[in-house]
Amino acid sequence: MNISVSDAKAQLTDLVRRAEEGEEIILTRHGRSVARIGPVKARLSPEERRKIIDEIVKEASGKGLPGPDAAHSQDFLYDEFGLPR
């Protein structure tokens, strides 16, 4: 549904109710779409959230590149006596 911002002011309560029911409302200004009112997605259950996290961890494992450990990451800045180069 498209509705102008000025018309939406008078009907906001009804528009929010319609959005809660799943309808998407597009607000327009001078005939151009400027905003959208729609339903908020339901929150994920802890089980769904855990499943998504596990999938991300599984995909990411093995993709890291080897590199220097934190203790040696800046060795190039100092000589063998610990003085700045």
PDB file of N, CA and C in Angstrom:
ATOM      1  N   MET A   1       0.845  -1.170   0.000  1.00  0.00           N
ATOM      2  CA  MET A   1       0.000   0.000   0.000  1.00  0.00           C
ATOM      3  C   MET A   1       0.890   1.233   0.000  1.00  0.00           C
ATOM      4  N   ASN A   2       0.616   2.194  -0.841  1.00  0.00           N
ATOM      5  CA  ASN A   2       1.319   3.470  -0.877  1.00  0.00           C
ATOM      6  C   ASN A   2       0.417   4.548  -0.286  1.00  0.00           C
ATOM      7  N   ILE A   3       1.008   5.401   0.542  1.00  0.00           N
ATOM      8  CA  ILE A   3       0.247   6.487   1.159  1.00  0.00           C
ATOM      9  C   ILE A   3       1.196   7.660   1.386  1.00  0.00           C
ATOM     10  N   SER A   4       0.701   8.857   1.205  1.00  0.00           N
ATOM     11  CA  SER A   4       1.544  10.038   1.412  1.00  0.00           C
ATOM     12  C   SER A   4       1.796  10.234   2.907  1.00  0.00           C
ATOM     13  N   VAL A   5       2.903  10.858   3.210  1.00  0.00           N
ATOM     14  CA  VAL A   5       3.266  11.098   4.606  1.00  0.00           C
ATOM     15  C   VAL A   5       2.198  11.932   5.288  1.00  0.00           C
ATOM     16  N   SER A   6       1.688  12.942   4.612  1.00  0.00           N
ATOM     17  CA  SER A   6       0.669  13.801   5.238  1.00  0.00           C
ATOM     18  C   SER A   6      -0.606  13.020   5.535  1.00  0.00           C
ATOM     19  N   ASP A   7      -1.012  12.106   4.648  1.00  0.00           N
ATOM     20  CA  ASP A   7      -2.197  11.281   4.920  1.00  0.00           C
ATOM     21  C   ASP A   7      -1.920  10.255   6.019  1.00  0.00           C
ATOM     22  N   ALA A   8      -0.688   9.768   6.080  1.00  0.00           N
ATOM     23  CA  ALA A   8      -0.339   8.753   7.070  1.00  0.00           C
ATOM     24  C   ALA A   8      -0.399   9.298   8.488  1.00  0.00           C
ATOM     25  N   LYS A   9      -0.149  10.589   8.648  1.00  0.00           N
ATOM     26  CA  LYS A   9      -0.192  11.188   9.984  1.00  0.00           C
ATOM     27  C   LYS A   9      -1.540  10.943  10.654  1.00  0.00           C
ATOM     28  N   ALA A  10      -2.590  11.083   9.898  1.00  0.00           N
ATOM     29  CA  ALA A  10      -3.934  10.936  10.455  1.00  0.00           C
ATOM     30  C   ALA A  10      -4.321   9.473  10.659  1.00  0.00           C
ATOM     31  N   GLN A  11      -3.615   8.557   9.988  1.00  0.00           N
ATOM     32  CA  GLN A  11      -4.000   7.145  10.026  1.00  0.00           C
ATOM     33  C   GLN A  11      -2.925   6.264  10.666  1.00  0.00           C
ATOM     34  N   LEU A  12      -2.005   6.840  11.411  1.00  0.00           N
ATOM     35  CA  LEU A  12      -0.858   6.092  11.904  1.00  0.00           C
ATOM     36  C   LEU A  12      -1.248   4.850  12.697  1.00  0.00           C
ATOM     37  N   THR A  13      -2.201   4.967  13.595  1.00  0.00           N
ATOM     38  CA  THR A  13      -2.610   3.824  14.405  1.00  0.00           C
ATOM     39  C   THR A  13      -3.088   2.684  13.522  1.00  0.00           C
ATOM     40  N   ASP A  14      -3.897   2.987  12.527  1.00  0.00           N
ATOM     41  CA  ASP A  14      -4.399   1.959  11.621  1.00  0.00           C
ATOM     42  C   ASP A  14      -3.262   1.365  10.781  1.00  0.00           C
ATOM     43  N   LEU A  15      -2.334   2.209  10.339  1.00  0.00           N
ATOM     44  CA  LEU A  15      -1.211   1.726   9.534  1.00  0.00           C
ATOM     45  C   LEU A  15      -0.315   0.784  10.335  1.00  0.00           C
ATOM     46  N   VAL A  16      -0.084   1.114  11.595  1.00  0.00           N
ATOM     47  CA  VAL A  16       0.730   0.242  12.453  1.00  0.00           C
ATOM     48  C   VAL A  16       0.021  -1.092  12.660  1.00  0.00           C
ATOM     49  N   ARG A  17      -1.283  -1.059  12.873  1.00  0.00           N
ATOM     50  CA  ARG A  17      -2.039  -2.304  13.039  1.00  0.00           C
ATOM     51  C   ARG A  17      -1.918  -3.176  11.794  1.00  0.00           C
ATOM     52  N   ARG A  18      -2.034  -2.556  10.620  1.00  0.00           N
ATOM     53  CA  ARG A  18      -1.918  -3.301   9.364  1.00  0.00           C
ATOM     54  C   ARG A  18      -0.520  -3.875   9.191  1.00  0.00           C
ATOM     55  N   ALA A  19       0.492  -3.124   9.613  1.00  0.00           N
ATOM     56  CA  ALA A  19       1.867  -3.622   9.527  1.00  0.00           C
ATOM     57  C   ALA A  19       2.062  -4.820  10.459  1.00  0.00           C
ATOM     58  N   GLU A  20       1.471  -4.746  11.644  1.00  0.00           N
ATOM     59  CA  GLU A  20       1.555  -5.871  12.581  1.00  0.00           C
ATOM     60  C   GLU A  20       0.962  -7.139  11.975  1.00  0.00           C
ATOM     61  N   GLU A  21      -0.055  -6.960  11.141  1.00  0.00           N
ATOM     62  CA  GLU A  21      -0.715  -8.100  10.505  1.00  0.00           C
ATOM     63  C   GLU A  21       0.044  -8.600   9.281  1.00  0.00           C
ATOM     64  N   GLY A  22       1.166  -7.941   8.942  1.00  0.00           N
ATOM     65  CA  GLY A  22       1.998  -8.416   7.849  1.00  0.00           C
ATOM     66  C   GLY A  22       2.001  -7.563   6.598  1.00  0.00           C
ATOM     67  N   GLU A  23       1.186  -6.542   6.546  1.00  0.00           N
ATOM     68  CA  GLU A  23       1.136  -5.694   5.354  1.00  0.00           C
ATOM     69  C   GLU A  23       2.306  -4.715   5.349  1.00  0.00           C
ATOM     70  N   GLU A  24       2.816  -4.413   4.167  1.00  0.00           N
ATOM     71  CA  GLU A  24       3.891  -3.437   4.035  1.00  0.00           C
ATOM     72  C   GLU A  24       3.303  -2.134   3.512  1.00  0.00           C
ATOM     73  N   ILE A  25       3.606  -1.034   4.202  1.00  0.00           N
ATOM     74  CA  ILE A  25       3.089   0.278   3.821  1.00  0.00           C
ATOM     75  C   ILE A  25       4.271   1.127   3.364  1.00  0.00           C
ATOM     76  N   ILE A  26       4.164   1.729   2.190  1.00  0.00           N
ATOM     77  CA  ILE A  26       5.194   2.608   1.656  1.00  0.00           C
ATOM     78  C   ILE A  26       4.721   4.042   1.822  1.00  0.00           C
ATOM     79  N   LEU A  27       5.516   4.860   2.496  1.00  0.00           N
ATOM     80  CA  LEU A  27       5.199   6.274   2.661  1.00  0.00           C
ATOM     81  C   LEU A  27       5.830   7.053   1.505  1.00  0.00           C
ATOM     82  N   THR A  28       5.065   7.965   0.959  1.00  0.00           N
ATOM     83  CA  THR A  28       5.558   8.746  -0.175  1.00  0.00           C
ATOM     84  C   THR A  28       5.538  10.231   0.155  1.00  0.00           C
ATOM     85  N   ARG A  29       6.436  10.953  -0.500  1.00  0.00           N
ATOM     86  CA  ARG A  29       6.479  12.403  -0.375  1.00  0.00           C
ATOM     87  C   ARG A  29       6.627  12.945  -1.796  1.00  0.00           C
ATOM     88  N   HIS A  30       5.701  13.756  -2.215  1.00  0.00           N
ATOM     89  CA  HIS A  30       5.678  14.312  -3.575  1.00  0.00           C
ATOM     90  C   HIS A  30       5.739  13.195  -4.625  1.00  0.00           C
ATOM     91  N   GLY A  31       5.047  12.086  -4.324  1.00  0.00           N
ATOM     92  CA  GLY A  31       4.970  10.978  -5.279  1.00  0.00           C
ATOM     93  C   GLY A  31       6.156  10.032  -5.281  1.00  0.00           C
ATOM     94  N   ARG A  32       7.170  10.287  -4.460  1.00  0.00           N
ATOM     95  CA  ARG A  32       8.355   9.433  -4.388  1.00  0.00           C
ATOM     96  C   ARG A  32       8.354   8.632  -3.095  1.00  0.00           C
ATOM     97  N   SER A  33       8.699   7.356  -3.181  1.00  0.00           N
ATOM     98  CA  SER A  33       8.790   6.503  -1.993  1.00  0.00           C
ATOM     99  C   SER A  33       9.922   6.991  -1.101  1.00  0.00           C
ATOM    100  N   VAL A  34       9.630   7.162   0.197  1.00  0.00           N
ATOM    101  CA  VAL A  34      10.649   7.660   1.115  1.00  0.00           C
ATOM    102  C   VAL A  34      10.849   6.781   2.354  1.00  0.00           C
ATOM    103  N   ALA A  35       9.862   5.970   2.697  1.00  0.00           N
ATOM    104  CA  ALA A  35       9.986   5.145   3.899  1.00  0.00           C
ATOM    105  C   ALA A  35       9.052   3.948   3.786  1.00  0.00           C
ATOM    106  N   ARG A  36       9.326   2.962   4.630  1.00  0.00           N
ATOM    107  CA  ARG A  36       8.518   1.747   4.626  1.00  0.00           C
ATOM    108  C   ARG A  36       8.143   1.396   6.062  1.00  0.00           C
ATOM    109  N   ILE A  37       6.905   1.004   6.256  1.00  0.00           N
ATOM    110  CA  ILE A  37       6.444   0.496   7.540  1.00  0.00           C
ATOM    111  C   ILE A  37       6.079  -0.959   7.285  1.00  0.00           C
ATOM    112  N   GLY A  38       6.633  -1.847   8.081  1.00  0.00           N
ATOM    113  CA  GLY A  38       6.354  -3.263   7.896  1.00  0.00           C
ATOM    114  C   GLY A  38       6.476  -4.007   9.204  1.00  0.00           C
ATOM    115  N   PRO A  39       6.114  -5.274   9.189  1.00  0.00           N
ATOM    116  CA  PRO A  39       6.187  -6.063  10.420  1.00  0.00           C
ATOM    117  C   PRO A  39       7.633  -6.316  10.825  1.00  0.00           C
ATOM    118  N   VAL A  40       7.866  -6.381  12.112  1.00  0.00           N
ATOM    119  CA  VAL A  40       9.181  -6.721  12.639  1.00  0.00           C
ATOM    120  C   VAL A  40       9.261  -8.236  12.673  1.00  0.00           C
ATOM    121  N   LYS A  41      10.391  -8.765  12.191  1.00  0.00           N
ATOM    122  CA  LYS A  41      10.558 -10.216  12.206  1.00  0.00           C
ATOM    123  C   LYS A  41      10.602 -10.708  13.642  1.00  0.00           C
ATOM    124  N   ALA A  42      10.057 -11.884  13.830  1.00  0.00           N
ATOM    125  CA  ALA A  42      10.068 -12.480  15.161  1.00  0.00           C
ATOM    126  C   ALA A  42      11.505 -12.807  15.567  1.00  0.00           C
ATOM    127  N   ARG A  43      11.766 -12.763  16.845  1.00  0.00           N
ATOM    128  CA  ARG A  43      13.094 -13.087  17.340  1.00  0.00           C
ATOM    129  C   ARG A  43      13.357 -14.578  17.180  1.00  0.00           C
ATOM    130  N   LEU A  44      14.611 -14.909  16.996  1.00  0.00           N
ATOM    131  CA  LEU A  44      14.993 -16.310  16.870  1.00  0.00           C
ATOM    132  C   LEU A  44      15.008 -16.973  18.233  1.00  0.00           C
ATOM    133  N   SER A  45      14.663 -18.238  18.245  1.00  0.00           N
ATOM    134  CA  SER A  45      14.754 -18.997  19.487  1.00  0.00           C
ATOM    135  C   SER A  45      16.223 -19.281  19.764  1.00  0.00           C
ATOM    136  N   PRO A  46      16.567 -19.603  21.000  1.00  0.00           N
ATOM    137  CA  PRO A  46      17.966 -19.926  21.303  1.00  0.00           C
ATOM    138  C   PRO A  46      18.498 -21.081  20.439  1.00  0.00           C
ATOM    139  N   GLU A  47      17.652 -22.048  20.129  1.00  0.00           N
ATOM    140  CA  GLU A  47      18.079 -23.178  19.299  1.00  0.00           C
ATOM    141  C   GLU A  47      18.390 -22.723  17.871  1.00  0.00           C
ATOM    142  N   GLU A  48      17.544 -21.853  17.319  1.00  0.00           N
ATOM    143  CA  GLU A  48      17.777 -21.339  15.968  1.00  0.00           C
ATOM    144  C   GLU A  48      19.047 -20.494  15.928  1.00  0.00           C
ATOM    145  N   ARG A  49      19.235 -19.675  16.946  1.00  0.00           N
ATOM    146  CA  ARG A  49      20.423 -18.831  17.028  1.00  0.00           C
ATOM    147  C   ARG A  49      21.688 -19.689  17.100  1.00  0.00           C
ATOM    148  N   ARG A  50      21.665 -20.759  17.935  1.00  0.00           N
ATOM    149  CA  ARG A  50      22.805 -21.659  18.084  1.00  0.00           C
ATOM    150  C   ARG A  50      23.124 -22.339  16.760  1.00  0.00           C
ATOM    151  N   LYS A  51      22.084 -22.749  16.017  1.00  0.00           N
ATOM    152  CA  LYS A  51      22.282 -23.420  14.731  1.00  0.00           C
ATOM    153  C   LYS A  51      22.995 -22.480  13.744  1.00  0.00           C
ATOM    154  N   ILE A  52      22.576 -21.215  13.694  1.00  0.00           N
ATOM    155  CA  ILE A  52      23.197 -20.247  12.796  1.00  0.00           C
ATOM    156  C   ILE A  52      24.652 -20.014  13.182  1.00  0.00           C
ATOM    157  N   ILE A  53      24.922 -19.859  14.470  1.00  0.00           N
ATOM    158  CA  ILE A  53      26.293 -19.646  14.931  1.00  0.00           C
ATOM    159  C   ILE A  53      27.167 -20.843  14.586  1.00  0.00           C
ATOM    160  N   ASP A  54      26.656 -22.054  14.810  1.00  0.00           N
ATOM    161  CA  ASP A  54      27.420 -23.260  14.487  1.00  0.00           C
ATOM    162  C   ASP A  54      27.736 -23.347  13.000  1.00  0.00           C
ATOM    163  N   GLU A  55      26.783 -22.946  12.139  1.00  0.00           N
ATOM    164  CA  GLU A  55      27.024 -22.957  10.693  1.00  0.00           C
ATOM    165  C   GLU A  55      28.111 -21.961  10.309  1.00  0.00           C
ATOM    166  N   ILE A  56      28.108 -20.783  10.920  1.00  0.00           N
ATOM    167  CA  ILE A  56      29.124 -19.770  10.633  1.00  0.00           C
ATOM    168  C   ILE A  56      30.498 -20.258  11.076  1.00  0.00           C
ATOM    169  N   VAL A  57      30.576 -20.827  12.271  1.00  0.00           N
ATOM    170  CA  VAL A  57      31.853 -21.336  12.779  1.00  0.00           C
ATOM    171  C   VAL A  57      32.371 -22.444  11.874  1.00  0.00           C
ATOM    172  N   LYS A  58      31.484 -23.331  11.434  1.00  0.00           N
ATOM    173  CA  LYS A  58      31.886 -24.427  10.559  1.00  0.00           C
ATOM    174  C   LYS A  58      32.443 -23.895   9.239  1.00  0.00           C
ATOM    175  N   GLU A  59      31.776 -22.900   8.656  1.00  0.00           N
ATOM    176  CA  GLU A  59      32.245 -22.311   7.396  1.00  0.00           C
ATOM    177  C   GLU A  59      33.571 -21.590   7.575  1.00  0.00           C
ATOM    178  N   ALA A  60      33.763 -20.941   8.705  1.00  0.00           N
ATOM    179  CA  ALA A  60      34.966 -20.137   8.921  1.00  0.00           C
ATOM    180  C   ALA A  60      36.180 -20.974   9.301  1.00  0.00           C
ATOM    181  N   SER A  61      35.957 -22.169   9.842  1.00  0.00           N
ATOM    182  CA  SER A  61      37.104 -22.966  10.278  1.00  0.00           C
ATOM    183  C   SER A  61      37.964 -23.337   9.082  1.00  0.00           C
ATOM    184  N   GLY A  62      39.243 -23.172   9.261  1.00  0.00           N
ATOM    185  CA  GLY A  62      40.183 -23.496   8.198  1.00  0.00           C
ATOM    186  C   GLY A  62      40.407 -22.382   7.202  1.00  0.00           C
ATOM    187  N   LYS A  63      39.710 -21.266   7.327  1.00  0.00           N
ATOM    188  CA  LYS A  63      39.878 -20.162   6.382  1.00  0.00           C
ATOM    189  C   LYS A  63      40.903 -19.138   6.860  1.00  0.00           C
ATOM    190  N   GLY A  64      41.305 -19.235   8.115  1.00  0.00           N
ATOM    191  CA  GLY A  64      42.274 -18.289   8.647  1.00  0.00           C
ATOM    192  C   GLY A  64      43.652 -18.540   8.050  1.00  0.00           C
ATOM    193  N   LEU A  65      44.377 -17.479   7.815  1.00  0.00           N
ATOM    194  CA  LEU A  65      45.719 -17.595   7.264  1.00  0.00           C
ATOM    195  C   LEU A  65      46.741 -17.634   8.390  1.00  0.00           C
ATOM    196  N   PRO A  66      47.770 -18.472   8.254  1.00  0.00           N
ATOM    197  CA  PRO A  66      48.796 -18.493   9.296  1.00  0.00           C
ATOM    198  C   PRO A  66      49.592 -17.198   9.270  1.00  0.00           C
ATOM    199  N   GLY A  67      50.030 -16.783  10.398  1.00  0.00           N
ATOM    200  CA  GLY A  67      50.804 -15.560  10.487  1.00  0.00           C
ATOM    201  C   GLY A  67      51.575 -15.540  11.792  1.00  0.00           C
ATOM    202  N   PRO A  68      52.275 -14.466  12.060  1.00  0.00           N
ATOM    203  CA  PRO A  68      53.048 -14.403  13.298  1.00  0.00           C
ATOM    204  C   PRO A  68      52.129 -14.341  14.509  1.00  0.00           C
ATOM    205  N   ASP A  69      52.611 -14.922  15.604  1.00  0.00           N
ATOM    206  CA  ASP A  69      51.820 -14.815  16.818  1.00  0.00           C
ATOM    207  C   ASP A  69      51.989 -13.412  17.401  1.00  0.00           C
ATOM    208  N   ALA A  70      51.155 -13.072  18.353  1.00  0.00           N
ATOM    209  CA  ALA A  70      51.153 -11.713  18.894  1.00  0.00           C
ATOM    210  C   ALA A  70      52.494 -11.338  19.513  1.00  0.00           C
ATOM    211  N   ALA A  71      53.211 -12.321  20.084  1.00  0.00           N
ATOM    212  CA  ALA A  71      54.478 -12.023  20.737  1.00  0.00           C
ATOM    213  C   ALA A  71      55.550 -11.616  19.739  1.00  0.00           C
ATOM    214  N   HIS A  72      55.408 -11.990  18.462  1.00  0.00           N
ATOM    215  CA  HIS A  72      56.432 -11.704  17.474  1.00  0.00           C
ATOM    216  C   HIS A  72      55.916 -10.857  16.313  1.00  0.00           C
ATOM    217  N   SER A  73      54.749 -10.317  16.437  1.00  0.00           N
ATOM    218  CA  SER A  73      54.129  -9.628  15.309  1.00  0.00           C
ATOM    219  C   SER A  73      54.828  -8.327  14.925  1.00  0.00           C
ATOM    220  N   GLN A  74      55.600  -7.732  15.834  1.00  0.00           N
ATOM    221  CA  GLN A  74      56.259  -6.465  15.518  1.00  0.00           C
ATOM    222  C   GLN A  74      57.775  -6.568  15.600  1.00  0.00           C
ATOM    223  N   ASP A  75      58.313  -7.774  15.439  1.00  0.00           N
ATOM    224  CA  ASP A  75      59.763  -7.964  15.490  1.00  0.00           C
ATOM    225  C   ASP A  75      60.492  -7.154  14.431  1.00  0.00           C
ATOM    226  N   PHE A  76      59.849  -6.873  13.301  1.00  0.00           N
ATOM    227  CA  PHE A  76      60.510  -6.128  12.236  1.00  0.00           C
ATOM    228  C   PHE A  76      60.846  -4.693  12.653  1.00  0.00           C
ATOM    229  N   LEU A  77      60.265  -4.208  13.755  1.00  0.00           N
ATOM    230  CA  LEU A  77      60.527  -2.843  14.206  1.00  0.00           C
ATOM    231  C   LEU A  77      61.819  -2.722  15.010  1.00  0.00           C
ATOM    232  N   TYR A  78      62.347  -3.854  15.529  1.00  0.00           N
ATOM    233  CA  TYR A  78      63.475  -3.816  16.452  1.00  0.00           C
ATOM    234  C   TYR A  78      64.614  -4.707  15.957  1.00  0.00           C
ATOM    235  N   ASP A  79      65.845  -4.319  16.312  1.00  0.00           N
ATOM    236  CA  ASP A  79      66.991  -5.150  15.941  1.00  0.00           C
ATOM    237  C   ASP A  79      67.201  -6.240  16.989  1.00  0.00           C
ATOM    238  N   GLU A  80      68.301  -6.997  16.849  1.00  0.00           N
ATOM    239  CA  GLU A  80      68.545  -8.126  17.754  1.00  0.00           C
ATOM    240  C   GLU A  80      68.835  -7.704  19.190  1.00  0.00           C
ATOM    241  N   PHE A  81      69.104  -6.388  19.406  1.00  0.00           N
ATOM    242  CA  PHE A  81      69.370  -5.881  20.750  1.00  0.00           C
ATOM    243  C   PHE A  81      68.128  -5.223  21.382  1.00  0.00           C
ATOM    244  N   GLY A  82      67.007  -5.260  20.658  1.00  0.00           N
ATOM    245  CA  GLY A  82      65.782  -4.681  21.158  1.00  0.00           C
ATOM    246  C   GLY A  82      65.648  -3.201  20.938  1.00  0.00           C
ATOM    247  N   LEU A  83      66.536  -2.649  20.117  1.00  0.00           N
ATOM    248  CA  LEU A  83      66.492  -1.217  19.834  1.00  0.00           C
ATOM    249  C   LEU A  83      65.722  -0.959  18.549  1.00  0.00           C
ATOM    250  N   PRO A  84      65.058   0.187  18.462  1.00  0.00           N
ATOM    251  CA  PRO A  84      64.315   0.489  17.225  1.00  0.00           C
ATOM    252  C   PRO A  84      65.252   0.540  16.015  1.00  0.00           C
ATOM    253  N   ARG A  85      64.781   0.061  14.905  1.00  0.00           N
ATOM    254  CA  ARG A  85      65.585   0.097  13.668  1.00  0.00           C
ATOM    255  C   ARG A  85      65.566   1.468  13.052  1.00  0.00           C
TER     256      ARG A  85
END
